[in-house]
Protein backbone atom coordinates (compact mmCIF):
# COMPACT_ATOMS: atom_id res chain seq x y z
CA MET A 1 0.11 0.12 -0.05
CA ALA A 2 1.28 3.70 -0.96
CA ALA A 3 2.14 5.73 1.98
CA PRO A 4 -1.22 7.00 3.72
CA LYS A 5 -2.02 10.62 3.09
CA VAL A 6 -3.06 12.66 6.27
CA ALA A 7 -4.61 15.92 6.70
CA VAL A 8 -4.75 17.87 9.77
CA VAL A 9 -7.22 20.80 9.85
CA GLY A 10 -6.45 23.42 12.03
CA ALA A 11 -3.20 25.47 12.85
CA GLY A 12 -3.47 26.07 16.49
CA VAL A 13 -1.60 24.70 19.46
CA VAL A 14 -3.98 21.35 19.33
CA GLY A 15 -3.66 21.08 15.26
CA LEU A 16 0.12 21.75 15.09
CA SER A 17 1.05 19.34 18.10
CA THR A 18 -1.15 16.71 16.67
CA ALA A 19 0.33 17.03 13.27
CA LEU A 20 3.88 16.73 15.16
CA CYS A 21 2.82 13.72 17.14
CA VAL A 22 1.55 11.81 13.95
CA VAL A 23 4.57 12.65 11.75
CA GLU A 24 6.99 11.52 14.79
CA THR A 25 5.00 8.30 15.33
CA PHE A 26 4.46 7.38 11.59
CA PRO A 27 7.19 9.08 9.54
CA ALA A 28 6.25 7.10 6.35
CA CYS A 29 3.04 8.96 5.99
CA SER A 30 2.54 12.03 3.91
CA LEU A 31 1.19 14.87 6.12
CA ALA A 32 -0.17 18.26 5.66
CA VAL A 33 -1.64 21.12 7.76
CA VAL A 34 -4.75 22.47 6.04
CA ALA A 35 -6.02 25.68 7.92
CA GLU A 36 -7.76 28.84 7.33
CA GLN A 37 -5.55 30.75 9.80
CA PHE A 38 -1.99 30.27 10.99
CA THR A 39 -0.27 32.16 13.79
CA PRO A 40 -0.55 35.02 14.57
CA ASP A 41 -4.20 34.82 13.83
CA THR A 42 -5.45 31.80 15.76
CA THR A 43 -7.34 31.45 19.13
CA SER A 44 -4.09 30.07 20.57
CA ASP A 45 -2.20 33.45 19.86
CA VAL A 46 -4.87 35.18 22.35
CA ALA A 47 -4.25 32.55 25.12
CA ALA A 48 -1.97 33.05 27.90
CA GLY A 49 -0.57 29.65 27.25
CA MET A 50 -0.18 29.17 31.18
CA LEU A 51 -0.20 25.53 32.19
CA ILE A 52 -2.67 25.55 34.81
CA PRO A 53 -5.63 23.04 34.12
CA HIS A 54 -9.39 23.66 34.28
CA THR A 55 -11.28 20.70 35.24
CA THR A 56 -13.59 19.53 32.48
CA PRO A 57 -16.68 17.97 33.85
CA GLY A 58 -17.30 15.13 31.03
CA THR A 59 -13.75 13.76 31.38
CA PRO A 60 -12.46 11.50 34.01
CA ILE A 61 -9.95 13.11 36.27
CA HIS A 62 -7.35 10.61 35.88
CA VAL A 63 -7.69 11.04 32.14
CA GLN A 64 -7.40 14.75 32.58
CA LYS A 65 -4.29 14.33 34.78
CA GLN A 66 -2.68 12.08 32.14
CA TRP A 67 -3.09 14.64 29.46
CA PHE A 68 -1.83 17.51 31.78
CA LYS A 69 1.28 15.31 32.78
CA GLU A 70 2.21 14.44 29.41
CA THR A 71 2.21 17.98 28.51
CA PHE A 72 4.06 19.28 31.38
CA THR A 73 6.61 16.65 31.00
CA TYR A 74 7.25 17.70 27.15
CA LEU A 75 7.38 21.21 27.80
CA PHE A 76 9.64 20.56 30.94
CA ALA A 77 12.15 19.19 28.53
CA ILE A 78 11.91 21.80 26.14
CA SER A 79 12.25 24.74 28.68
CA ASN A 80 15.38 22.90 30.24
CA SER A 81 17.00 22.78 26.64
CA VAL A 82 18.78 25.08 24.27
CA GLU A 83 15.37 25.33 22.32
CA ALA A 84 13.54 27.01 25.24
CA ALA A 85 14.12 30.80 23.94
CA GLU A 86 13.02 30.27 20.21
CA ALA A 87 10.13 27.91 21.45
CA GLY A 88 8.98 30.58 24.04
CA THR A 89 8.51 28.11 26.87
CA HIS A 90 9.74 29.24 30.31
CA PHE A 91 9.08 28.38 33.93
CA VAL A 92 7.02 30.88 36.01
CA SER A 93 6.25 30.95 39.72
CA GLY A 94 3.57 32.54 41.58
CA TRP A 95 0.25 32.46 43.51
CA GLN A 96 -3.37 31.47 43.36
CA VAL A 97 -5.36 33.35 46.00
CA PHE A 98 -8.69 32.74 47.40
CA LYS A 99 -11.25 35.12 49.37
CA SER A 100 -12.76 31.68 51.04
CA THR A 101 -11.24 28.23 51.68
CA PRO A 102 -11.44 26.26 48.26
CA LYS A 103 -13.52 23.12 48.54
CA GLU A 104 -10.67 21.06 47.62
CA GLU A 105 -7.24 21.48 49.44
CA SER A 106 -5.31 20.30 46.49
CA PRO A 107 -6.22 20.41 42.73
CA PHE A 108 -5.84 17.00 40.91
CA TRP A 109 -2.60 18.63 39.09
CA SER A 110 -0.89 19.78 42.34
CA ASP A 111 1.73 16.81 42.40
CA VAL A 112 2.53 17.63 38.55
CA VAL A 113 3.67 21.09 38.72
CA LEU A 114 6.48 22.08 40.99
CA GLY A 115 6.95 22.91 44.30
CA PHE A 116 3.16 23.25 45.01
CA ARG A 117 2.46 24.44 48.87
CA PRO A 118 -0.09 26.47 50.80
CA MET A 119 0.86 30.33 51.00
CA SER A 120 2.79 31.34 53.90
CA GLU A 121 1.28 34.34 56.16
CA ALA A 122 3.94 36.33 55.19
CA GLU A 123 3.04 35.76 51.37
CA LEU A 124 -0.59 36.49 52.07
CA GLN A 125 0.17 40.05 53.47
CA LYS A 126 0.52 41.03 49.66
CA PHE A 127 -2.93 40.16 49.06
CA PRO A 128 -5.30 41.65 52.05
CA GLN A 129 -8.58 40.97 50.37
CA HIS A 130 -7.70 37.12 50.31
CA SER A 131 -7.70 34.61 53.10
CA CYS A 132 -5.68 31.64 51.80
CA GLY A 133 -3.69 30.51 48.67
CA GLN A 134 -1.34 28.22 46.91
CA ALA A 135 2.20 28.92 45.53
CA PHE A 136 3.80 26.80 42.88
CA THR A 137 6.00 26.89 39.60
CA THR A 138 4.45 25.96 36.19
CA LEU A 139 5.36 26.47 32.70
CA LYS A 140 4.03 28.86 29.99
CA CYS A 141 4.24 28.78 26.21
CA ASP A 142 4.24 32.26 24.46
CA CYS A 143 2.79 32.73 21.28
CA PRO A 144 3.37 33.32 18.36
CA PRO A 145 6.90 31.98 19.27
CA TYR A 146 5.61 28.41 20.23
CA LEU A 147 3.40 27.92 17.33
CA LEU A 148 6.17 29.21 15.05
CA TRP A 149 8.58 26.45 16.56
CA LEU A 150 6.06 23.76 15.98
CA GLU A 151 5.57 25.19 12.26
CA LYS A 152 9.61 24.97 12.00
CA ARG A 153 9.79 21.37 13.41
CA LEU A 154 6.92 20.31 10.84
CA LYS A 155 8.60 21.86 7.82
CA ALA A 156 11.75 20.06 8.77
CA LYS A 157 9.92 16.88 8.80
CA GLY A 158 8.55 17.62 5.20
CA VAL A 159 5.04 18.54 6.32
CA GLN A 160 3.23 20.84 3.92
CA MET A 161 1.22 23.85 5.31
CA TYR A 162 -1.86 25.07 3.04
CA THR A 163 -3.88 28.13 3.71
CA ARG A 164 -7.55 27.09 2.98
CA LYS A 165 -10.86 27.15 4.21
CA VAL A 166 -12.26 23.87 4.79
CA ALA A 167 -16.15 24.14 4.69
CA ASN A 168 -16.80 20.06 4.80
CA LEU A 169 -14.42 17.55 5.82
CA TRP A 170 -15.60 15.40 2.99
CA GLU A 171 -14.13 17.75 0.55
CA LEU A 172 -10.90 16.38 1.33
CA HIS A 173 -11.64 12.77 0.66
CA SER A 174 -10.17 12.88 -3.11
CA GLU A 175 -6.69 13.98 -1.68
CA TYR A 176 -6.33 12.37 1.70
CA ASN A 177 -6.85 8.82 3.31
CA ILE A 178 -7.33 10.18 6.93
CA VAL A 179 -8.24 13.82 8.13
CA VAL A 180 -7.70 14.89 11.68
CA ASN A 181 -10.22 17.40 12.87
CA CYS A 182 -8.59 19.98 15.03
CA ALA A 183 -10.66 22.98 13.83
CA GLY A 184 -11.39 24.26 17.51
CA ILE A 185 -14.41 26.44 17.45
CA GLY A 186 -14.61 26.07 13.72
CA ALA A 187 -15.99 22.44 14.49
CA HIS A 188 -19.18 23.92 15.33
CA GLN A 189 -19.72 24.68 11.56
CA LEU A 190 -17.51 22.46 10.12
CA VAL A 191 -18.98 19.10 11.67
CA GLY A 192 -22.20 20.64 12.94
CA ASP A 193 -21.46 19.87 16.44
CA GLN A 194 -24.14 21.49 18.46
CA LYS A 195 -22.40 20.51 21.81
CA LEU A 196 -19.75 22.90 21.10
CA PHE A 197 -19.99 26.34 22.09
CA PRO A 198 -17.88 29.65 22.41
CA VAL A 199 -16.70 30.91 25.75
CA ARG A 200 -15.60 34.36 24.98
CA GLY A 201 -12.19 35.60 26.59
CA GLN A 202 -10.94 39.13 26.36
CA VAL A 203 -7.59 39.87 27.70
CA LEU A 204 -5.00 42.67 27.70
CA LYS A 205 -1.21 42.13 26.66
CA VAL A 206 0.90 44.90 28.56
CA HIS A 207 4.35 45.97 28.66
CA ALA A 208 5.30 45.68 32.37
CA PRO A 209 8.71 43.87 32.62
CA TRP A 210 8.82 44.33 36.55
CA VAL A 211 6.23 41.71 36.96
CA LYS A 212 7.91 38.58 37.51
CA ASN A 213 5.33 36.32 39.19
CA PHE A 214 1.88 35.03 38.16
CA ILE A 215 -1.13 35.87 40.21
CA ARG A 216 -4.54 34.28 39.53
CA ASP A 217 -7.61 34.62 41.63
CA GLY A 218 -9.06 31.19 42.66
CA ASP A 219 -12.11 31.87 40.84
CA GLY A 220 -10.13 31.91 37.65
CA LEU A 221 -11.61 35.13 36.14
CA THR A 222 -8.55 37.46 37.15
CA TYR A 223 -5.39 36.53 36.47
CA ILE A 224 -1.67 38.20 35.80
CA TYR A 225 0.58 36.00 33.56
CA PRO A 226 4.09 37.12 32.78
CA GLY A 227 5.43 36.37 29.61
CA ILE A 228 8.88 36.94 27.87
CA HIS A 229 7.85 40.04 26.10
CA SER A 230 4.51 40.90 27.61
CA VAL A 231 2.18 40.24 30.59
CA THR A 232 -1.32 38.83 29.78
CA LEU A 233 -4.20 40.52 32.02
CA GLY A 234 -7.62 38.72 32.32
CA GLY A 235 -9.91 38.08 31.80
CA THR A 236 -13.73 36.94 30.97
CA ARG A 237 -15.61 33.75 30.32
CA GLU A 238 -18.66 34.78 28.31
CA LYS A 239 -20.70 31.68 27.43
CA GLU A 240 -22.43 31.48 23.98
CA SER A 241 -20.86 34.89 22.80
CA TRP A 242 -19.40 34.95 19.37
CA SER A 243 -18.03 38.44 19.36
CA LEU A 244 -14.39 38.98 18.55
CA SER A 245 -14.92 42.88 18.94
CA PRO A 246 -13.16 44.13 22.17
CA ASN A 247 -15.41 45.90 24.60
CA PRO A 248 -13.90 49.08 26.27
CA ASN A 249 -15.92 48.69 29.46
CA THR A 250 -14.53 45.06 29.74
CA THR A 251 -10.86 46.31 29.20
CA LYS A 252 -11.44 48.86 32.01
CA ASP A 253 -12.76 46.29 34.14
CA ILE A 254 -9.91 43.69 33.57
CA PHE A 255 -7.20 46.48 34.21
CA ASP A 256 -8.87 47.52 37.39
CA ARG A 257 -9.37 44.05 38.62
CA CYS A 258 -5.66 43.33 37.98
CA CYS A 259 -4.38 46.47 39.62
CA ALA A 260 -6.43 45.52 42.82
CA LEU A 261 -4.29 42.34 42.66
CA GLU A 262 -0.98 43.98 41.62
CA PRO A 263 -1.06 47.92 42.14
CA SER A 264 2.27 48.38 40.18
CA LEU A 265 0.31 47.42 36.88
CA GLN A 266 -1.08 50.84 36.86
CA ARG A 267 2.31 52.13 35.30
CA ALA A 268 1.68 49.50 32.55
CA GLN A 269 2.18 50.57 29.15
CA ASP A 270 1.56 49.75 25.46
CA ILE A 271 -1.75 48.04 26.19
CA LYS A 272 -3.25 45.78 23.44
CA VAL A 273 -6.73 44.11 23.53
CA LYS A 274 -7.34 40.78 22.33
CA VAL A 275 -10.49 38.61 21.94
CA GLY A 276 -10.58 34.80 21.43
CA LEU A 277 -13.33 32.17 21.28
CA ARG A 278 -12.50 29.10 23.55
CA PRO A 279 -13.89 25.92 21.80
CA SER A 280 -15.85 24.60 24.89
CA ARG A 281 -17.92 21.27 25.22
CA ALA A 282 -18.57 19.21 28.00
CA CYS A 283 -15.58 17.06 27.17
CA VAL A 284 -13.02 16.90 24.74
CA ARG A 285 -13.92 14.99 21.51
CA LEU A 286 -11.18 12.71 20.96
CA GLN A 287 -12.47 9.94 18.66
CA ARG A 288 -12.58 8.30 15.21
CA GLU A 289 -15.33 8.51 12.94
CA ILE A 290 -15.77 7.06 9.22
CA LEU A 291 -17.62 9.25 7.09
CA SER A 292 -18.90 7.54 3.66
CA GLN A 293 -20.66 8.67 0.49
CA GLY A 294 -21.53 6.38 -2.33
CA GLY A 295 -19.41 3.66 -1.23
CA ALA A 296 -16.38 5.70 -0.67
CA LYS A 297 -14.85 6.09 2.72
CA LEU A 298 -12.97 8.86 4.76
CA LEU A 299 -11.37 7.93 8.02
CA VAL A 300 -11.64 10.91 10.38
CA VAL A 301 -9.92 11.51 13.74
CA HIS A 302 -11.56 14.29 15.95
CA ASN A 303 -9.62 16.22 18.39
CA TYR A 304 -11.20 19.56 19.56
CA GLY A 305 -13.37 21.07 22.33
CA HIS A 306 -10.59 21.91 24.82
CA GLY A 307 -12.00 24.89 25.99
CA SER A 308 -9.69 26.91 28.49
CA GLY A 309 -7.39 23.62 28.73
CA GLY A 310 -5.86 23.85 25.12
CA PHE A 311 -2.27 24.62 26.22
CA SER A 312 -2.58 22.58 29.34
CA MET A 313 -3.32 19.17 27.67
CA HIS A 314 -2.36 19.93 24.11
CA ARG A 315 0.40 17.41 23.88
CA GLY A 316 -1.27 14.68 25.88
CA THR A 317 -4.49 14.81 23.42
CA ALA A 318 -2.09 15.10 20.50
CA LYS A 319 -0.42 11.95 21.43
CA GLU A 320 -3.77 10.23 21.99
CA ALA A 321 -4.98 11.42 18.65
CA ALA A 322 -1.94 10.18 16.99
CA HIS A 323 -2.48 6.68 18.38
CA LEU A 324 -6.13 6.98 16.89
CA VAL A 325 -4.53 7.78 13.30
CA GLY A 326 -2.52 4.79 13.83
CA GLU A 327 -5.77 2.74 14.11
CA CYS A 328 -6.97 4.24 10.93
CA ILE A 329 -3.50 3.39 9.28
CA ALA A 330 -4.27 -0.22 10.18
CA ALA A 331 -7.69 -0.20 9.00
CA LEU A 332 -6.61 1.20 5.49
CA GLN A 333 -4.05 -1.61 5.19
CA ASP A 334 -6.77 -3.94 6.18
CA PHE A 335 -9.20 -2.51 3.41
CA SER A 336 -6.17 -2.81 0.85
CA SER A 337 -5.30 -6.23 1.69
CA ARG A 338 -9.00 -7.35 1.33
CA ALA A 339 -9.52 -5.42 -1.83
CA LYS A 340 -6.40 -7.42 -3.35
CA LEU A 341 -8.26 -10.72 -2.32
């Protein structure tokens, strides 16, 4: 059988990392990434890229932890290598603070991040409005650098990149044997997934190089995440809002909330406003499907619906998607051998 032709639809962090896992696991296949938008115009470019997971109600905790651990381990190795600066990955320490005691003493990911512990009384003096908190070190991926680094790795392995709007997965069946759907919020229209909905996020990217530690309010709505070149201030979680236009009132509200946590941000400069739509559903859709029309078949692997957790679990879900692609390749070989009989 000829080398299987695989297309990955979507070029955000999930699409590019899935493509990389597929080509690393199955170097003989012919792979292309097909997307309407590449960096710096993806939803991933708006995200802060912090590895702090959000619990997804429809996915078992042990599965979420596995995805997070695989992602953390992968980025830990990059951050500890000569590639770190180009990849935009780095360690960042800080605090998650609470106004009242959280229901769970330690989140499921507390033994994956580094040095997780309760905050001391001395540390809490920095946050007079909060009664308790947690200190730890985690990892952050800055975008566009991380996406550009993934693209560079893919191109070095011979992967083609095509800028193209795909209206229907079936339109790829004449060119590819297997299609991997990593379209994010685009899957709502692409495959008609009514369980997928946007959670609008508006953030500010500011110049405040003196801010070195992350600060996250325990409710997850207000956060300060320092990156290599800018600090991301957030945020919002607006369910079912499709608007990509910045709201000036929201900008002021985010800035005021972040300044309440870190007063020095009042001197921040070069404020840019970004909006992204998190692709949310009760659980990540990670499964195989066979599309057929008039006797022809197209093997599909879905990997989308990561919500707020795209960066926190991208490598873990990419590895699982690559495993499903392997099952599709085996099925193709089976079809091929039966056809010969």
